[in-house]
Amino acid sequence: MPAKKYIIRLSKEERKALTKLVKTGKAAAYKRQRAQILLKADVNRLDGGLQDKDIVKSLDIGSRTIERTRQRLVEKGFQKVLERESYKSSREPYLDGEQEAHLVALSCSEPPEGYNRWTLKLLAKEMMVLDGFSLPGNGAEGFKKTP
C-alpha cells in the first residue's frame, strides 16, 4: 500500500475542538463524522493514528470519505474541512435576465386562443416566434423546473 499523501497532524487546540464537537452531539452528522475521522487519523495521537482500513471498520464509512477528508484538511484548512462544500453548476443558463423577464410576462398573460393555460411547449414556441430565441430539443426542456 502506498504511503499516505495527506497526513493529519492536529494541534492540541484543534484536537480539543474536535473532541468537544463529537462529545456534545449538537453538530450536524457530516461534521461529527469528519471530526471523528480526523481524530482517529491524527498522527499526533499516542498510538500514532489509525490506518484507513481501521477507521473504515470503526466508523462504518467508505475509504474514499476518509481520503477526501484528509485531502480537504491539508488543502483547505481546519475550518473548511468541517463545512459543506458548495458545488456550482457548470451549465450556463438558457435565458438571460431580459429573456427571463419576457418569459414571466408572457406566462402571466392570457394563453393563446383555444388553450386554457400556458404549457411549456406553448411558452417555448411563443418565445421562439417573438424573440427568435432557440432552445435545445423541442424547446420546452429549457423551461423545466430547476431544484
C-alpha atoms as a PDB file:
ATOM      1  CA  MET A   1       0.000   0.000   0.000  1.00  0.00           C
ATOM      2  CA  PRO A   2       1.485   3.398  -0.976  1.00  0.00           C
ATOM      3  CA  ALA A   3       2.379   5.964   1.657  1.00  0.00           C
ATOM      4  CA  LYS A   4      -0.351   8.418   2.568  1.00  0.00           C
ATOM      5  CA  LYS A   5      -0.248  11.619   0.575  1.00  0.00           C
ATOM      6  CA  TYR A   6      -2.231  13.632   3.138  1.00  0.00           C
ATOM      7  CA  ILE A   7      -1.047  13.237   6.726  1.00  0.00           C
ATOM      8  CA  ILE A   8      -3.248  14.534   9.565  1.00  0.00           C
ATOM      9  CA  ARG A   9      -1.374  16.438  12.282  1.00  0.00           C
ATOM     10  CA  LEU A  10      -3.734  18.186  14.686  1.00  0.00           C
ATOM     11  CA  SER A  11      -2.673  20.750  17.254  1.00  0.00           C
ATOM     12  CA  LYS A  12      -3.870  20.402  20.847  1.00  0.00           C
ATOM     13  CA  GLU A  13      -6.444  23.170  20.285  1.00  0.00           C
ATOM     14  CA  GLU A  14      -7.803  21.530  17.123  1.00  0.00           C
ATOM     15  CA  ARG A  15      -7.965  18.161  18.848  1.00  0.00           C
ATOM     16  CA  LYS A  16      -9.801  19.710  21.802  1.00  0.00           C
ATOM     17  CA  ALA A  17     -12.323  21.444  19.493  1.00  0.00           C
ATOM     18  CA  LEU A  18     -12.989  18.233  17.541  1.00  0.00           C
ATOM     19  CA  THR A  19     -13.375  16.191  20.718  1.00  0.00           C
ATOM     20  CA  LYS A  20     -15.872  18.722  22.066  1.00  0.00           C
ATOM     21  CA  LEU A  21     -17.801  18.642  18.767  1.00  0.00           C
ATOM     22  CA  VAL A  22     -18.028  14.838  18.847  1.00  0.00           C
ATOM     23  CA  LYS A  23     -18.941  14.594  22.538  1.00  0.00           C
ATOM     24  CA  THR A  24     -21.649  17.285  22.635  1.00  0.00           C
ATOM     25  CA  GLY A  25     -23.653  15.664  19.832  1.00  0.00           C
ATOM     26  CA  LYS A  26     -25.167  19.008  18.819  1.00  0.00           C
ATOM     27  CA  ALA A  27     -23.415  19.243  15.442  1.00  0.00           C
ATOM     28  CA  ALA A  28     -24.669  18.003  12.087  1.00  0.00           C
ATOM     29  CA  ALA A  29     -23.927  14.365  11.298  1.00  0.00           C
ATOM     30  CA  TYR A  30     -21.469  15.180   8.495  1.00  0.00           C
ATOM     31  CA  LYS A  31     -19.473  17.450  10.844  1.00  0.00           C
ATOM     32  CA  ARG A  32     -19.350  14.823  13.569  1.00  0.00           C
ATOM     33  CA  GLN A  33     -18.274  12.175  11.078  1.00  0.00           C
ATOM     34  CA  ARG A  34     -15.462  14.341   9.721  1.00  0.00           C
ATOM     35  CA  ALA A  35     -14.361  15.202  13.260  1.00  0.00           C
ATOM     36  CA  GLN A  36     -14.246  11.501  14.160  1.00  0.00           C
ATOM     37  CA  ILE A  37     -12.215  10.739  11.040  1.00  0.00           C
ATOM     38  CA  LEU A  38      -9.709  13.475  11.846  1.00  0.00           C
ATOM     39  CA  LEU A  39      -9.374  12.418  15.478  1.00  0.00           C
ATOM     40  CA  LYS A  40      -8.768   8.788  14.546  1.00  0.00           C
ATOM     41  CA  ALA A  41      -6.330   9.624  11.710  1.00  0.00           C
ATOM     42  CA  ASP A  42      -4.260  12.143  13.703  1.00  0.00           C
ATOM     43  CA  VAL A  43      -0.613  11.034  13.809  1.00  0.00           C
ATOM     44  CA  ASN A  44      -0.079  13.077  16.976  1.00  0.00           C
ATOM     45  CA  ARG A  45      -2.186  10.572  18.950  1.00  0.00           C
ATOM     46  CA  LEU A  46      -0.414   8.390  21.458  1.00  0.00           C
ATOM     47  CA  ASP A  47      -0.746   5.371  19.156  1.00  0.00           C
ATOM     48  CA  GLY A  48       0.260   7.363  16.069  1.00  0.00           C
ATOM     49  CA  GLY A  49      -3.188   7.405  14.448  1.00  0.00           C
ATOM     50  CA  LEU A  50      -5.212   4.591  12.942  1.00  0.00           C
ATOM     51  CA  GLN A  51      -4.828   3.319   9.410  1.00  0.00           C
ATOM     52  CA  ASP A  52      -7.665   3.999   6.981  1.00  0.00           C
ATOM     53  CA  LYS A  53      -8.823   0.379   6.996  1.00  0.00           C
ATOM     54  CA  ASP A  54      -9.228   0.539  10.790  1.00  0.00           C
ATOM     55  CA  ILE A  55     -11.149   3.829  10.564  1.00  0.00           C
ATOM     56  CA  VAL A  56     -13.409   2.287   7.908  1.00  0.00           C
ATOM     57  CA  LYS A  57     -14.253  -0.560  10.279  1.00  0.00           C
ATOM     58  CA  SER A  58     -14.749   1.564  13.383  1.00  0.00           C
ATOM     59  CA  LEU A  59     -16.904   4.269  11.746  1.00  0.00           C
ATOM     60  CA  ASP A  60     -18.570   2.101   9.081  1.00  0.00           C
ATOM     61  CA  ILE A  61     -17.774   4.504   6.238  1.00  0.00           C
ATOM     62  CA  GLY A  62     -16.042   4.261   2.874  1.00  0.00           C
ATOM     63  CA  SER A  63     -12.314   4.690   2.415  1.00  0.00           C
ATOM     64  CA  ARG A  64     -12.866   7.469  -0.159  1.00  0.00           C
ATOM     65  CA  THR A  65     -14.646   9.518   2.518  1.00  0.00           C
ATOM     66  CA  ILE A  66     -11.558   9.291   4.679  1.00  0.00           C
ATOM     67  CA  GLU A  67      -9.272  10.186   1.766  1.00  0.00           C
ATOM     68  CA  ARG A  68     -11.384  13.216   0.825  1.00  0.00           C
ATOM     69  CA  THR A  69     -11.491  14.399   4.440  1.00  0.00           C
ATOM     70  CA  ARG A  70      -7.699  14.106   4.727  1.00  0.00           C
ATOM     71  CA  GLN A  71      -7.259  15.984   1.471  1.00  0.00           C
ATOM     72  CA  ARG A  72      -9.643  18.799   2.459  1.00  0.00           C
ATOM     73  CA  LEU A  73      -7.866  19.343   5.779  1.00  0.00           C
ATOM     74  CA  VAL A  74      -4.442  19.554   4.165  1.00  0.00           C
ATOM     75  CA  GLU A  75      -5.516  21.661   1.166  1.00  0.00           C
ATOM     76  CA  LYS A  76      -8.207  23.918   2.644  1.00  0.00           C
ATOM     77  CA  GLY A  77      -7.510  24.066   6.364  1.00  0.00           C
ATOM     78  CA  PHE A  78      -9.126  23.159   9.655  1.00  0.00           C
ATOM     79  CA  GLN A  79     -12.241  25.369   9.429  1.00  0.00           C
ATOM     80  CA  LYS A  80     -13.069  24.428   5.829  1.00  0.00           C
ATOM     81  CA  VAL A  81     -12.854  20.679   6.431  1.00  0.00           C
ATOM     82  CA  LEU A  82     -15.891  20.843   8.725  1.00  0.00           C
ATOM     83  CA  GLU A  83     -18.041  22.892   6.314  1.00  0.00           C
ATOM     84  CA  ARG A  84     -20.118  21.612   3.443  1.00  0.00           C
ATOM     85  CA  GLU A  85     -18.586  22.227   0.073  1.00  0.00           C
ATOM     86  CA  SER A  86     -20.779  24.176  -2.291  1.00  0.00           C
ATOM     87  CA  TYR A  87     -20.961  22.990  -5.859  1.00  0.00           C
ATOM     88  CA  LYS A  88     -21.693  25.300  -8.742  1.00  0.00           C
ATOM     89  CA  SER A  89     -23.400  24.100 -11.864  1.00  0.00           C
ATOM     90  CA  SER A  90     -21.163  24.174 -14.905  1.00  0.00           C
ATOM     91  CA  ARG A  91     -24.150  24.613 -17.202  1.00  0.00           C
ATOM     92  CA  GLU A  92     -24.846  28.104 -18.474  1.00  0.00           C
ATOM     93  CA  PRO A  93     -28.426  29.343 -18.023  1.00  0.00           C
ATOM     94  CA  TYR A  94     -30.624  29.196 -21.120  1.00  0.00           C
ATOM     95  CA  LEU A  95     -32.100  32.637 -20.523  1.00  0.00           C
ATOM     96  CA  ASP A  96     -30.530  35.956 -19.646  1.00  0.00           C
ATOM     97  CA  GLY A  97     -32.308  38.412 -17.350  1.00  0.00           C
ATOM     98  CA  GLU A  98     -34.217  40.199 -20.131  1.00  0.00           C
ATOM     99  CA  GLN A  99     -35.424  36.950 -21.710  1.00  0.00           C
ATOM    100  CA  GLU A 100     -36.456  35.593 -18.320  1.00  0.00           C
ATOM    101  CA  ALA A 101     -38.473  38.756 -17.608  1.00  0.00           C
ATOM    102  CA  HIS A 102     -40.138  38.397 -21.016  1.00  0.00           C
ATOM    103  CA  LEU A 103     -40.960  34.750 -20.267  1.00  0.00           C
ATOM    104  CA  VAL A 104     -42.528  35.652 -16.909  1.00  0.00           C
ATOM    105  CA  ALA A 105     -44.605  38.397 -18.509  1.00  0.00           C
ATOM    106  CA  LEU A 106     -45.688  36.012 -21.265  1.00  0.00           C
ATOM    107  CA  SER A 107     -46.674  33.274 -18.813  1.00  0.00           C
ATOM    108  CA  CYS A 108     -48.753  35.769 -16.791  1.00  0.00           C
ATOM    109  CA  SER A 109     -50.633  36.905 -19.891  1.00  0.00           C
ATOM    110  CA  GLU A 110     -53.701  35.251 -21.422  1.00  0.00           C
ATOM    111  CA  PRO A 111     -52.931  31.950 -23.201  1.00  0.00           C
ATOM    112  CA  PRO A 112     -53.462  31.677 -26.953  1.00  0.00           C
ATOM    113  CA  GLU A 113     -56.965  31.163 -28.254  1.00  0.00           C
ATOM    114  CA  GLY A 114     -58.117  27.577 -27.877  1.00  0.00           C
ATOM    115  CA  TYR A 115     -55.992  26.946 -24.752  1.00  0.00           C
ATOM    116  CA  ASN A 116     -56.951  27.263 -21.089  1.00  0.00           C
ATOM    117  CA  ARG A 117     -53.421  27.812 -19.835  1.00  0.00           C
ATOM    118  CA  TRP A 118     -49.822  28.093 -20.959  1.00  0.00           C
ATOM    119  CA  THR A 119     -47.886  24.836 -21.367  1.00  0.00           C
ATOM    120  CA  LEU A 120     -44.109  24.560 -21.543  1.00  0.00           C
ATOM    121  CA  LYS A 121     -44.269  23.780 -25.247  1.00  0.00           C
ATOM    122  CA  LEU A 122     -46.534  26.768 -25.923  1.00  0.00           C
ATOM    123  CA  LEU A 123     -44.253  29.095 -23.984  1.00  0.00           C
ATOM    124  CA  ALA A 124     -41.185  27.787 -25.821  1.00  0.00           C
ATOM    125  CA  LYS A 125     -42.889  28.144 -29.213  1.00  0.00           C
ATOM    126  CA  GLU A 126     -44.034  31.689 -28.422  1.00  0.00           C
ATOM    127  CA  MET A 127     -40.553  32.683 -27.212  1.00  0.00           C
ATOM    128  CA  MET A 128     -39.077  31.335 -30.449  1.00  0.00           C
ATOM    129  CA  VAL A 129     -41.602  33.217 -32.568  1.00  0.00           C
ATOM    130  CA  LEU A 130     -41.361  36.534 -30.721  1.00  0.00           C
ATOM    131  CA  ASP A 131     -37.658  36.688 -29.868  1.00  0.00           C
ATOM    132  CA  GLY A 132     -36.076  34.310 -32.341  1.00  0.00           C
ATOM    133  CA  PHE A 133     -34.894  32.502 -29.208  1.00  0.00           C
ATOM    134  CA  SER A 134     -33.868  28.856 -29.631  1.00  0.00           C
ATOM    135  CA  LEU A 135     -33.597  26.051 -27.116  1.00  0.00           C
ATOM    136  CA  PRO A 136     -32.233  22.516 -27.495  1.00  0.00           C
ATOM    137  CA  GLY A 137     -34.622  19.671 -28.327  1.00  0.00           C
ATOM    138  CA  ASN A 138     -38.282  20.608 -28.582  1.00  0.00           C
ATOM    139  CA  GLY A 139     -37.650  23.879 -26.733  1.00  0.00           C
ATOM    140  CA  ALA A 140     -39.636  23.046 -23.623  1.00  0.00           C
ATOM    141  CA  GLU A 141     -36.643  21.309 -21.997  1.00  0.00           C
ATOM    142  CA  GLY A 142     -35.079  24.662 -21.153  1.00  0.00           C
ATOM    143  CA  PHE A 143     -38.106  25.693 -19.131  1.00  0.00           C
ATOM    144  CA  LYS A 144     -38.268  22.710 -16.785  1.00  0.00           C
ATOM    145  CA  LYS A 145     -38.264  23.438 -13.086  1.00  0.00           C
ATOM    146  CA  THR A 146     -34.845  23.578 -11.511  1.00  0.00           C
ATOM    147  CA  PRO A 147     -34.258  22.388  -7.950  1.00  0.00           C
END
